[in-house]
Amino acid sequence: VHPEGSRSVKIPSDSVLREGFYWELIQKCLVSRNDRKSMYDRLRSYALFGTDTGQEPAAFNKIDSAIDTLASFLFAADTTRFSIKLGAGVDKKSEMPKIPPLVERLTDRWYDSNCDIVFLRAIKASLTYASSHIKLTQRSKETFPYLVHPSDFGVLREDVTMLDRQEAMVHVFMSTKDQLRRDLERHPNKDVILMRLSAMRRGSEQGELPAGVARIITSSFYPTSQGNVNNVLSGSSDWYRPTTSEELVEMHELWLWDDDCMEGKGGYRVVTMADPGIVIYDRSAGESMFLVGDHPFIQVCPNPAEDYFWGISEVAKLTRLQDKREHHMAQIDDLVDRAVSPPKSISGQWGAVDEKDFAMRRINAVISSNDPMAKINEHKPQLPPDLWQCVRQIDAEFDEVTALSNVLKGRGEAGVRSKGQTDALVRTGSSRTKQRALIIEEPLERIATLYVKLDQRHNKDSLETDEAQPRTFIAEQFTKNFTVKVDAHSSSPIFVEDQKNDAAFMLQN
């Protein structure tokens, strides 16, 4: 898999020019990073607290429950099963017996490496931020997945969808100075790199703003946001943020398609640079790095856009509804408070009004006045007959946006009495959710396929078949012309229920 077409710019042969070329390319890949980080902060605040940046948490965060429910319909780790599909021209008679032990090893490694948990986190992150990425790394013969936040990733062409069609991509990560020093232990230019890094960081050090002040500055771009400065500075509204006392160095891992590498066959060149623009490693991404002609990143994007790489955020669709719901909840609370403790008007001579008012709030209180014309009137608000109708309507709009009907969520529906009616409603009402589940399957299958291919490259442990010949084999002896598929759409609970209903129907007939 590689981008269509050839590179329009040759990589300079001069080391100084090449370093500048790499750093310029990294900046192009990250050109929208700051704008996206501001947007991600707002989306994160809504997903966690139901409010915009700098506001107090919502009384009820409907967004959190909606995203959690939708993610559970898109992926179920406990039911996911895999199968291997052989490519055209493969000798099926000799390769088919090898599939069951390979699938068994894949399943074991999938759960042992916690890829099921990482993939579920990636789905929830992609529903919040529109996209998330998983990076596969290799340690000895084991494969491990890591979740990459979209603010730490960039591509050269944001108008080109699909990651495999990008000419260049960048992963930004942090490293401590001690870790970087250990990583460079056998590097031939270790002393020069550390000296340059230390000098440049001293010259470019800038004081970071506290998180609360940063939120105030961010919220200044949105004049409709409200909040208390003291609460923001205390961090009471958002304390789910990591802190560290270690000195960190920002690292950039550039994956660049190069038509000239791998003896003219083309492949990825991997460049690791430390901020600001110091080349640590520059090498071709052969089998020692990953797989020839491939990269370790998998994009998860449930709502892809036609001409925008990052896709569409599900949380962004719900923010206005959440604000509207909180507004009506505040109105209801105000009405109920005024009904419980209504405002009063007094006439006549009552003396100390504040003391009389305090006394009236006590149980079995008795007050008196010397003025025979003295009178106290309560002004209770008239509560609407169906106070919660507007909130219920907003909740129904949440379900419409997320494509989660009452029947799909296990709730009853008016006029539905039989199992056949319920099953028919589930099938028709889950069509939009099924479409997203099918989109989710593609990155899931790509990860599983890479697991097996990396196992072929690095794992020499033998496997056994049920056939007499060959009785034992290693993964490398299996054909390279294959893909791993999600067996019977078992990754989504919706498809699993459909299969159960179909099986029960066939059994009865």
Protein backbone atom coordinates (compact mmCIF):
# COMPACT_ATOMS: atom_id res chain seq x y z
CA VAL A 1 0.00 0.00 0.00
CA HIS A 2 1.50 3.33 -1.00
CA PRO A 3 0.32 6.77 -2.10
CA GLU A 4 -0.70 7.23 -5.69
CA GLY A 5 1.82 9.04 -7.90
CA SER A 6 5.42 9.96 -7.23
CA ARG A 7 7.05 12.48 -4.93
CA SER A 8 7.20 15.92 -6.49
CA VAL A 9 10.32 16.94 -4.50
CA LYS A 10 13.54 14.95 -4.25
CA ILE A 11 15.09 14.51 -0.83
CA PRO A 12 18.28 16.62 -0.75
CA SER A 13 21.54 14.68 -0.55
CA ASP A 14 23.31 17.35 1.53
CA SER A 15 22.85 16.62 5.25
CA VAL A 16 22.17 20.26 6.23
CA LEU A 17 19.66 20.81 3.43
CA ARG A 18 18.06 17.46 4.16
CA GLU A 19 17.58 18.35 7.83
CA GLY A 20 15.89 21.62 6.88
CA PHE A 21 13.76 19.82 4.31
CA TYR A 22 12.55 17.30 6.90
CA TRP A 23 11.73 19.99 9.47
CA GLU A 24 9.84 22.06 6.90
CA LEU A 25 7.85 18.99 5.88
CA ILE A 26 6.97 18.30 9.53
CA GLN A 27 5.69 21.86 9.93
CA LYS A 28 3.53 21.43 6.82
CA CYS A 29 2.03 18.24 8.24
CA LEU A 30 1.27 20.04 11.53
CA VAL A 31 0.05 23.32 10.02
CA SER A 32 -3.45 22.91 11.50
CA ARG A 33 -2.32 21.44 14.81
CA ASN A 34 -2.85 24.52 16.99
CA ASP A 35 -6.33 25.18 15.58
CA ARG A 36 -7.26 21.53 16.01
CA LYS A 37 -5.94 21.48 19.60
CA SER A 38 -8.22 24.40 20.49
CA MET A 39 -11.17 22.56 18.98
CA TYR A 40 -10.19 19.32 20.72
CA ASP A 41 -10.09 21.13 24.08
CA ARG A 42 -13.68 22.27 23.61
CA LEU A 43 -14.85 18.84 22.46
CA ARG A 44 -13.07 17.22 25.41
CA SER A 45 -14.75 19.60 27.84
CA TYR A 46 -18.18 18.80 26.38
CA ALA A 47 -17.49 15.06 26.42
CA LEU A 48 -16.30 15.05 30.04
CA PHE A 49 -18.41 17.78 31.63
CA GLY A 50 -21.19 18.70 29.21
CA THR A 51 -20.11 22.35 29.06
CA ASP A 52 -17.81 24.60 27.08
CA THR A 53 -14.26 25.39 28.23
CA GLY A 54 -14.15 27.27 31.53
CA GLN A 55 -17.70 26.54 32.63
CA GLU A 56 -18.87 24.56 35.62
CA PRO A 57 -19.79 20.91 34.92
CA ALA A 58 -23.33 20.31 33.69
CA ALA A 59 -25.91 18.97 36.11
CA PHE A 60 -26.40 16.03 33.73
CA ASN A 61 -23.98 15.32 30.91
CA LYS A 62 -26.20 13.81 28.21
CA ILE A 63 -23.31 13.79 25.72
CA ASP A 64 -21.27 11.36 27.82
CA SER A 65 -24.08 8.82 28.07
CA ALA A 66 -24.94 9.15 24.36
CA ILE A 67 -21.34 8.60 23.21
CA ASP A 68 -20.86 5.72 25.63
CA THR A 69 -24.01 4.00 24.37
CA LEU A 70 -23.13 4.54 20.71
CA ALA A 71 -19.59 3.16 21.21
CA SER A 72 -21.02 0.03 22.84
CA PHE A 73 -23.13 -0.62 19.72
CA LEU A 74 -20.21 -0.09 17.35
CA PHE A 75 -17.79 -2.47 19.06
CA ALA A 76 -18.07 -5.31 21.56
CA ALA A 77 -14.72 -6.78 22.57
CA ASP A 78 -16.17 -9.93 24.12
CA THR A 79 -17.88 -11.16 20.92
CA THR A 80 -15.28 -10.23 18.28
CA ARG A 81 -13.98 -13.22 16.34
CA PHE A 82 -11.55 -13.34 13.44
CA SER A 83 -11.17 -15.42 10.30
CA ILE A 84 -8.51 -15.45 7.57
CA LYS A 85 -9.45 -15.00 3.92
CA LEU A 86 -6.99 -16.39 1.38
CA GLY A 87 -6.20 -14.39 -1.73
CA ALA A 88 -6.80 -15.47 -5.30
CA GLY A 89 -4.36 -18.07 -6.62
CA VAL A 90 -3.41 -19.44 -3.20
CA ASP A 91 -3.23 -23.23 -2.86
CA LYS A 92 -6.16 -23.62 -0.48
CA LYS A 93 -5.58 -27.33 0.06
CA SER A 94 -2.17 -26.73 1.66
CA GLU A 95 -2.96 -23.41 3.39
CA MET A 96 -6.44 -23.98 4.84
CA PRO A 97 -5.23 -26.35 7.63
CA LYS A 98 -2.88 -23.60 8.88
CA ILE A 99 -5.66 -21.07 9.41
CA PRO A 100 -7.18 -22.36 12.72
CA PRO A 101 -3.90 -22.28 14.72
CA LEU A 102 -3.00 -18.87 13.25
CA VAL A 103 -6.42 -17.48 14.25
CA GLU A 104 -6.02 -18.97 17.72
CA ARG A 105 -2.63 -17.29 18.16
CA LEU A 106 -4.03 -14.00 16.82
CA THR A 107 -6.90 -14.11 19.31
CA ASP A 108 -4.52 -14.81 22.19
CA ARG A 109 -2.20 -11.97 21.23
CA TRP A 110 -5.17 -9.64 20.63
CA TYR A 111 -6.33 -9.96 24.22
CA ASP A 112 -2.90 -10.41 25.82
CA SER A 113 -1.72 -7.09 24.36
CA ASN A 114 -4.98 -5.36 25.45
CA CYS A 115 -5.74 -4.41 21.85
CA ASP A 116 -9.46 -4.88 22.55
CA ILE A 117 -9.31 -2.17 25.22
CA VAL A 118 -7.14 0.13 23.10
CA PHE A 119 -9.50 -0.22 20.14
CA LEU A 120 -12.54 0.61 22.30
CA ARG A 121 -10.73 3.70 23.59
CA ALA A 122 -9.92 4.64 20.00
CA ILE A 123 -13.61 4.42 19.04
CA LYS A 124 -14.69 6.67 21.92
CA ALA A 125 -11.90 9.13 21.09
CA SER A 126 -12.90 9.16 17.42
CA LEU A 127 -16.53 9.87 18.32
CA THR A 128 -15.28 12.81 20.39
CA TYR A 129 -12.51 14.21 18.17
CA ALA A 130 -13.70 12.86 14.76
CA SER A 131 -10.55 10.73 14.34
CA SER A 132 -8.10 8.77 16.43
CA HIS A 133 -5.08 6.66 15.52
CA ILE A 134 -3.57 3.43 16.76
CA LYS A 135 0.14 2.78 16.35
CA LEU A 136 1.56 -0.76 16.39
CA THR A 137 5.03 -1.32 17.82
CA GLN A 138 7.14 -4.47 17.92
CA ARG A 139 9.13 -5.78 20.87
CA SER A 140 10.97 -8.97 20.12
CA LYS A 141 8.19 -11.22 18.79
CA GLU A 142 5.28 -9.40 20.47
CA THR A 143 3.08 -6.66 18.96
CA PHE A 144 1.67 -3.86 21.12
CA PRO A 145 -0.92 -1.18 20.22
CA TYR A 146 -0.82 2.43 21.43
CA LEU A 147 -3.50 5.09 21.14
CA VAL A 148 -2.34 8.30 19.45
CA HIS A 149 -4.28 11.48 20.22
CA PRO A 150 -5.28 13.34 17.01
CA SER A 151 -3.55 16.49 18.25
CA ASP A 152 -0.28 14.51 18.19
CA PHE A 153 -0.70 13.45 14.57
CA GLY A 154 -0.54 15.28 11.26
CA VAL A 155 -0.70 14.58 7.54
CA LEU A 156 0.61 16.46 4.54
CA ARG A 157 -2.72 16.63 2.66
CA GLU A 158 -5.82 17.16 4.79
CA ASP A 159 -7.92 17.27 1.63
CA VAL A 160 -6.96 13.64 0.89
CA THR A 161 -8.92 11.07 2.86
CA MET A 162 -7.52 7.65 3.85
CA LEU A 163 -4.16 7.41 5.55
CA ASP A 164 -2.58 5.06 2.98
CA ARG A 165 -2.86 7.78 0.31
CA GLN A 166 -0.79 10.32 2.23
CA GLU A 167 2.74 11.12 1.07
CA ALA A 168 3.86 12.07 4.56
CA MET A 169 2.57 11.79 8.12
CA VAL A 170 3.96 12.88 11.49
CA HIS A 171 3.58 11.44 14.98
CA VAL A 172 4.46 13.83 17.82
CA PHE A 173 5.42 12.33 21.17
CA MET A 174 7.25 13.37 24.31
CA SER A 175 10.44 11.90 25.75
CA THR A 176 12.31 12.66 28.93
CA LYS A 177 15.92 13.77 28.66
CA ASP A 178 17.10 10.65 30.49
CA GLN A 179 15.15 8.39 28.15
CA LEU A 180 16.53 10.21 25.11
CA ARG A 181 20.05 9.86 26.49
CA ARG A 182 19.54 6.11 26.92
CA ASP A 183 18.09 5.80 23.41
CA LEU A 184 21.18 7.53 22.00
CA GLU A 185 23.62 5.36 23.93
CA ARG A 186 24.99 3.68 20.79
CA HIS A 187 24.34 6.56 18.41
CA PRO A 188 27.55 7.69 16.63
CA ASN A 189 26.59 11.38 17.02
CA LYS A 190 25.28 11.17 20.58
CA ASP A 191 27.41 13.98 22.05
CA VAL A 192 26.72 16.37 19.17
CA ILE A 193 22.96 15.77 19.31
CA LEU A 194 22.74 16.24 23.09
CA MET A 195 24.87 19.41 22.89
CA ARG A 196 22.70 20.89 20.13
CA LEU A 197 19.54 19.90 21.97
CA SER A 198 20.66 21.47 25.24
CA ALA A 199 21.78 24.71 23.55
CA MET A 200 18.61 25.13 21.50
CA ARG A 201 16.30 24.39 24.41
CA ARG A 202 18.02 26.97 26.62
CA GLY A 203 17.63 29.55 23.88
CA SER A 204 13.98 28.76 23.21
CA GLU A 205 12.68 28.17 26.73
CA GLN A 206 9.37 29.87 27.36
CA GLY A 207 7.27 29.85 30.48
CA GLU A 208 4.13 27.80 30.13
CA LEU A 209 0.83 29.27 31.16
CA PRO A 210 -1.01 27.51 33.97
CA ALA A 211 -3.85 25.29 32.77
CA GLY A 212 -6.49 27.59 34.27
CA VAL A 213 -5.08 30.69 32.57
CA ALA A 214 -4.84 28.81 29.30
CA ARG A 215 -8.54 27.93 29.61
CA ILE A 216 -9.38 31.59 30.22
CA ILE A 217 -7.48 32.61 27.07
CA THR A 218 -9.16 29.84 25.08
CA SER A 219 -12.60 30.81 26.31
CA SER A 220 -11.98 34.43 25.29
CA PHE A 221 -12.42 33.31 21.69
CA TYR A 222 -15.99 32.29 22.58
CA PRO A 223 -17.69 35.34 24.09
CA THR A 224 -20.88 33.41 24.91
CA SER A 225 -19.04 31.22 27.43
CA GLN A 226 -19.60 31.97 31.09
CA GLY A 227 -17.67 30.98 34.17
CA ASN A 228 -16.19 31.95 37.48
CA VAL A 229 -12.52 32.96 37.37
CA ASN A 230 -11.78 31.54 40.82
CA ASN A 231 -13.25 28.16 39.89
CA VAL A 232 -11.30 28.09 36.63
CA LEU A 233 -7.99 28.93 38.31
CA SER A 234 -8.57 26.31 40.99
CA GLY A 235 -9.05 23.71 38.27
CA SER A 236 -12.19 22.33 39.87
CA SER A 237 -13.95 22.00 36.51
CA ASP A 238 -11.21 19.95 34.81
CA TRP A 239 -8.60 18.10 36.81
CA TYR A 240 -8.34 15.07 34.47
CA ARG A 241 -5.07 16.30 33.01
CA PRO A 242 -1.62 14.72 33.44
CA THR A 243 1.15 16.58 35.20
CA THR A 244 4.84 15.75 35.41
CA SER A 245 7.91 17.32 36.93
CA GLU A 246 10.28 15.71 34.42
CA GLU A 247 11.81 17.87 31.71
CA LEU A 248 10.29 16.68 28.43
CA VAL A 249 11.58 16.93 24.87
CA GLU A 250 9.08 17.06 22.00
CA MET A 251 9.91 14.43 19.39
CA HIS A 252 8.63 14.13 15.81
CA GLU A 253 8.50 10.87 13.89
CA LEU A 254 8.10 11.59 10.17
CA TRP A 255 6.97 8.81 7.82
CA LEU A 256 7.70 9.93 4.25
CA TRP A 257 7.03 8.00 1.06
CA ASP A 258 10.18 7.78 -1.03
CA ASP A 259 10.09 6.34 -4.55
CA ASP A 260 13.88 5.91 -4.58
CA CYS A 261 14.34 3.79 -1.43
CA MET A 262 14.41 -0.02 -1.26
CA GLU A 263 16.45 -0.22 -4.47
CA GLY A 264 13.98 1.87 -6.44
CA LYS A 265 10.92 -0.15 -5.41
CA GLY A 266 9.65 2.63 -3.19
CA GLY A 267 8.82 2.63 0.49
CA TYR A 268 8.63 4.75 3.61
CA ARG A 269 11.56 6.69 5.02
CA VAL A 270 11.34 7.24 8.78
CA VAL A 271 12.93 10.35 10.26
CA THR A 272 13.01 10.98 14.01
CA MET A 273 13.66 14.61 14.95
CA ALA A 274 13.84 16.42 18.28
CA ASP A 275 12.36 19.86 18.66
CA PRO A 276 13.48 22.17 17.15
CA GLY A 277 14.60 20.33 14.00
CA ILE A 278 17.46 18.09 15.20
CA VAL A 279 17.70 14.82 13.26
CA ILE A 280 18.15 11.82 15.55
CA TYR A 281 17.56 9.00 13.05
CA ASP A 282 17.09 8.91 9.27
CA ARG A 283 16.51 5.46 7.80
CA SER A 284 14.40 3.45 5.37
CA ALA A 285 11.41 1.70 6.95
CA GLY A 286 12.46 -1.84 6.09
CA GLU A 287 11.65 -4.97 8.04
CA SER A 288 13.75 -3.77 10.98
CA MET A 289 11.39 -0.81 11.45
CA PHE A 290 8.01 -2.31 10.52
CA LEU A 291 6.95 -4.01 7.28
CA VAL A 292 8.34 -3.22 3.85
CA GLY A 293 6.15 -0.67 2.09
CA ASP A 294 3.79 -0.22 5.04
CA HIS A 295 3.37 2.04 8.09
CA PRO A 296 2.22 1.24 11.67
CA PHE A 297 -0.68 3.75 11.91
CA ILE A 298 -4.37 2.88 11.68
CA GLN A 299 -7.01 5.63 11.51
CA VAL A 300 -10.36 5.14 13.26
CA CYS A 301 -12.99 7.51 11.85
CA PRO A 302 -16.69 6.52 12.28
CA ASN A 303 -17.98 9.65 10.48
CA PRO A 304 -15.71 10.20 7.44
CA ALA A 305 -16.00 13.42 5.46
CA GLU A 306 -15.90 13.64 1.70
CA ASP A 307 -12.89 15.93 1.42
CA TYR A 308 -11.55 16.33 4.97
CA PHE A 309 -9.07 13.81 6.35
CA TRP A 310 -10.07 14.16 10.02
CA GLY A 311 -13.79 13.45 9.54
CA ILE A 312 -16.75 14.75 11.55
CA SER A 313 -17.03 14.74 15.34
CA GLU A 314 -20.10 13.13 16.89
CA VAL A 315 -19.73 15.29 20.01
CA ALA A 316 -19.76 18.45 17.87
CA LYS A 317 -23.23 17.50 16.64
CA LEU A 318 -24.51 17.32 20.22
CA THR A 319 -23.05 20.45 21.81
CA ARG A 320 -25.97 22.74 20.90
CA LEU A 321 -28.47 20.20 22.18
CA GLN A 322 -26.50 19.85 25.44
CA ASP A 323 -26.46 23.64 25.90
CA LYS A 324 -30.18 23.78 25.18
CA ARG A 325 -30.88 20.99 27.65
CA GLU A 326 -28.85 22.69 30.37
CA HIS A 327 -30.71 25.97 29.71
CA HIS A 328 -34.10 24.31 30.21
CA MET A 329 -32.87 22.38 33.24
CA ALA A 330 -31.78 25.68 34.79
CA GLN A 331 -35.22 27.15 34.07
CA ILE A 332 -36.93 24.17 35.72
CA ASP A 333 -34.67 24.43 38.77
CA ASP A 334 -35.46 28.14 39.04
CA LEU A 335 -39.22 27.49 38.83
CA VAL A 336 -39.09 24.73 41.43
CA ASP A 337 -36.96 26.83 43.79
CA ARG A 338 -39.38 29.73 43.53
CA ALA A 339 -42.30 27.38 44.08
CA VAL A 340 -40.71 25.95 47.23
CA SER A 341 -39.52 29.36 48.51
CA PRO A 342 -41.74 31.87 46.68
CA PRO A 343 -41.04 35.60 46.67
CA LYS A 344 -43.21 37.64 49.05
CA SER A 345 -44.64 41.13 49.25
CA ILE A 346 -45.61 42.76 52.53
CA SER A 347 -47.83 45.67 53.51
CA GLY A 348 -48.29 47.42 56.81
CA GLN A 349 -45.92 47.72 59.74
CA TRP A 350 -43.76 44.63 60.41
CA GLY A 351 -40.71 46.04 62.09
CA ALA A 352 -37.49 44.19 61.19
CA VAL A 353 -38.47 42.65 57.85
CA ASP A 354 -35.37 40.45 57.53
CA GLU A 355 -35.94 38.90 60.96
CA LYS A 356 -39.61 38.27 60.17
CA ASP A 357 -38.66 36.64 56.86
CA PHE A 358 -36.09 34.42 58.59
CA ALA A 359 -38.67 33.42 61.19
CA MET A 360 -41.23 32.49 58.54
CA ARG A 361 -38.82 29.97 57.03
CA ARG A 362 -38.80 27.92 60.22
CA ILE A 363 -41.18 25.01 60.79
CA ASN A 364 -44.25 25.95 62.89
CA ALA A 365 -43.14 29.57 62.96
CA VAL A 366 -45.52 32.21 64.42
CA ILE A 367 -45.11 35.92 63.75
CA SER A 368 -47.28 38.89 64.64
CA SER A 369 -47.64 42.58 63.89
CA ASN A 370 -49.27 45.47 65.77
CA ASP A 371 -50.65 46.80 62.51
CA PRO A 372 -54.13 45.31 61.85
CA MET A 373 -53.67 46.04 58.14
CA ALA A 374 -50.35 44.19 57.91
CA LYS A 375 -50.36 41.48 55.28
CA ILE A 376 -47.94 39.04 53.66
CA ASN A 377 -48.56 37.81 50.12
CA GLU A 378 -46.73 34.89 48.46
CA HIS A 379 -46.15 34.97 44.70
CA LYS A 380 -45.73 31.35 43.67
CA PRO A 381 -44.98 30.78 39.99
CA GLN A 382 -47.47 28.72 38.04
CA LEU A 383 -45.78 25.49 37.04
CA PRO A 384 -46.60 24.23 33.52
CA PRO A 385 -48.69 21.04 33.46
CA ASP A 386 -45.89 19.09 31.72
CA LEU A 387 -42.74 20.68 33.00
CA TRP A 388 -40.36 18.09 31.51
CA GLN A 389 -41.83 17.83 28.02
CA CYS A 390 -39.19 20.11 26.49
CA VAL A 391 -36.38 18.12 28.12
CA ARG A 392 -37.85 14.86 26.85
CA GLN A 393 -38.02 16.35 23.35
CA ILE A 394 -34.34 17.31 23.52
CA ASP A 395 -33.49 13.77 24.68
CA ALA A 396 -35.39 12.42 21.66
CA GLU A 397 -33.31 14.71 19.44
CA PHE A 398 -30.14 13.26 21.03
CA ASP A 399 -31.36 9.78 20.04
CA GLU A 400 -32.12 10.96 16.51
CA VAL A 401 -28.64 12.43 16.03
CA THR A 402 -26.88 9.34 17.38
CA ALA A 403 -29.30 6.97 15.56
CA LEU A 404 -30.26 5.18 18.79
CA SER A 405 -33.99 4.47 18.98
CA ASN A 406 -35.87 3.34 22.09
CA VAL A 407 -36.17 -0.23 20.81
CA LEU A 408 -32.46 -0.36 20.00
CA LYS A 409 -31.66 0.71 23.56
CA GLY A 410 -33.94 -1.94 25.05
CA ARG A 411 -36.86 0.34 25.84
CA GLY A 412 -40.49 -0.27 24.96
CA GLU A 413 -42.23 1.41 22.04
CA ALA A 414 -45.90 2.40 21.91
CA GLY A 415 -48.01 -0.05 19.91
CA VAL A 416 -45.38 -2.81 19.82
CA ARG A 417 -46.62 -6.03 21.41
CA SER A 418 -45.02 -9.00 19.65
CA LYS A 419 -41.45 -10.23 19.24
CA GLY A 420 -41.81 -10.07 15.46
CA GLN A 421 -42.70 -6.38 15.58
CA THR A 422 -39.77 -5.67 17.91
CA ASP A 423 -37.29 -7.54 15.68
CA ALA A 424 -38.55 -5.68 12.60
CA LEU A 425 -38.13 -2.33 14.36
CA VAL A 426 -34.64 -3.27 15.49
CA ARG A 427 -33.60 -4.24 11.95
CA THR A 428 -34.93 -1.08 10.34
CA GLY A 429 -33.95 1.24 13.18
CA SER A 430 -30.35 0.01 13.35
CA SER A 431 -29.47 0.65 9.70
CA ARG A 432 -27.58 3.91 10.41
CA THR A 433 -25.72 2.36 13.34
CA LYS A 434 -24.86 -0.70 11.24
CA GLN A 435 -23.34 1.56 8.60
CA ARG A 436 -20.96 3.03 11.18
CA ALA A 437 -20.20 -0.43 12.57
CA LEU A 438 -19.17 -1.54 9.08
CA ILE A 439 -16.88 1.50 8.79
CA ILE A 440 -15.31 0.56 12.14
CA GLU A 441 -14.63 -2.98 10.89
CA GLU A 442 -12.13 -1.83 8.26
CA PRO A 443 -9.49 -0.48 10.73
CA LEU A 444 -10.22 -3.41 13.03
CA GLU A 445 -9.42 -5.86 10.22
CA ARG A 446 -6.31 -3.92 9.23
CA ILE A 447 -4.94 -4.12 12.78
CA ALA A 448 -5.63 -7.88 12.92
CA THR A 449 -3.98 -8.39 9.50
CA LEU A 450 -0.88 -6.48 10.64
CA TYR A 451 -0.78 -8.59 13.82
CA VAL A 452 -0.49 -11.78 11.73
CA LYS A 453 2.02 -10.28 9.28
CA LEU A 454 4.23 -9.02 12.10
CA ASP A 455 3.93 -12.45 13.69
CA GLN A 456 5.14 -13.98 10.42
CA ARG A 457 8.13 -11.65 10.41
CA HIS A 458 9.24 -11.92 14.06
CA ASN A 459 7.77 -15.05 15.68
CA LYS A 460 9.52 -18.34 15.00
CA ASP A 461 7.44 -20.39 17.46
CA SER A 462 5.94 -23.47 15.84
CA LEU A 463 2.22 -24.12 15.38
CA GLU A 464 0.37 -27.42 14.96
CA THR A 465 -2.38 -28.34 12.54
CA ASP A 466 -4.93 -31.15 12.67
CA GLU A 467 -3.62 -32.52 9.40
CA ALA A 468 -0.90 -35.12 9.14
CA GLN A 469 1.06 -33.12 6.54
CA PRO A 470 2.32 -30.66 7.47
CA ARG A 471 1.91 -31.37 11.17
CA THR A 472 3.95 -28.40 12.43
CA PHE A 473 4.82 -25.11 10.80
CA ILE A 474 5.83 -21.54 11.65
CA ALA A 475 3.86 -18.43 10.71
CA GLU A 476 6.47 -17.46 8.11
CA GLN A 477 5.55 -20.60 6.14
CA PHE A 478 1.97 -19.40 5.70
CA THR A 479 1.14 -17.52 2.48
CA LYS A 480 1.57 -13.73 2.37
CA ASN A 481 -1.54 -13.38 0.18
CA PHE A 482 -4.25 -13.11 2.83
CA THR A 483 -6.36 -10.69 4.87
CA VAL A 484 -7.89 -11.07 8.31
CA LYS A 485 -11.65 -10.49 8.43
CA VAL A 486 -14.05 -9.98 11.31
CA ASP A 487 -15.99 -13.24 11.36
CA ALA A 488 -19.73 -12.69 10.68
CA HIS A 489 -19.55 -9.03 11.78
CA SER A 490 -19.06 -10.25 15.36
CA SER A 491 -17.50 -6.93 16.41
CA SER A 492 -20.92 -5.23 16.70
CA PRO A 493 -23.71 -6.38 19.08
CA ILE A 494 -26.31 -5.41 16.45
CA PHE A 495 -25.04 -7.98 13.95
CA VAL A 496 -24.71 -10.58 16.70
CA GLU A 497 -28.39 -10.21 17.61
CA ASP A 498 -29.36 -10.47 13.93
CA GLN A 499 -27.46 -13.73 13.68
CA LYS A 500 -29.16 -15.11 16.79
CA ASN A 501 -32.58 -14.22 15.41
CA ASP A 502 -31.79 -15.76 12.02
CA ALA A 503 -30.49 -18.94 13.66
CA ALA A 504 -33.58 -19.22 15.85
CA PHE A 505 -35.84 -18.70 12.84
CA MET A 506 -34.07 -21.39 10.81
CA LEU A 507 -34.21 -23.78 13.77
CA GLN A 508 -37.96 -23.31 14.12
CA ASN A 509 -38.53 -23.84 10.40
